[in-house]
Amino acid sequence: MAKSPDEMAAAMIANMKEKTGKTLAQWTSIAKKSGEEKHGAIVKFLKTEHGMTHGFANLVAHKTLKSDAGSADGADALVSAQYAGAKSDLKPIYDALIKAANTCGTDLEIAPKKSYVSLRRKKQFAIIQPSTKTRVDLGLNMKDTPAKGRLEPSGSFNAMVSHRIKLEKPGDVDKDVKAWLKKAFSQA
């Protein structure tokens, strides 16, 4: 049976000293002292300056920035922060997407991060991100699916997904979006 992201992170943390020579606390201290403040910059620093693998570097960056669900005050706090202030009107779009995703299957995992929410099965198949004050972007991983119309290539939006759909109101989460979500879920 596949492990959840929390179980995988716990296993990596338990094995970190053996695999990397240092504990998580030591690595987060090194990351903080690097002066890097962005996730990608911390990952790059740890990989290039310390020869760390991407998986461990990614974990250390999340723990350093407290940007994963396990480091925040719960997943709800991460989602609340994403839809606070000027983006508060976008929360109904997020809610409609989560409702649609929940129909995909019982093995759906919703994993909030600092700036987006990852939807996972065996692997990530979608992300939900409030990209602007007026739009939520749904990123999907769909192999061999041509981008057309509303289903556009992800471009510079996010390298972790192949496609993007721009959503400006809850009604935009229509039968097409639901079908694309199910397709991405089935491929994960």
Foldseek 3Di string as FASTA:
>chain_A
DADDPVVVLVVCQVCVCVVQVDHLVVLLVVLVVVVDDDQVVQLVCCCPVRVDDSVVSNSSSCCNNVFWQVSDPHQVVLVCVLCPDLNVQCVLLVVLVVVLLVVLDDQWDWIGTNFWIFIDHSHTAWIWGPPDSQKIKIFGAAPPDDQDDQWHACPPVDPVGGTIGIDRDNPVCDPVVSVRSNRSHVVD
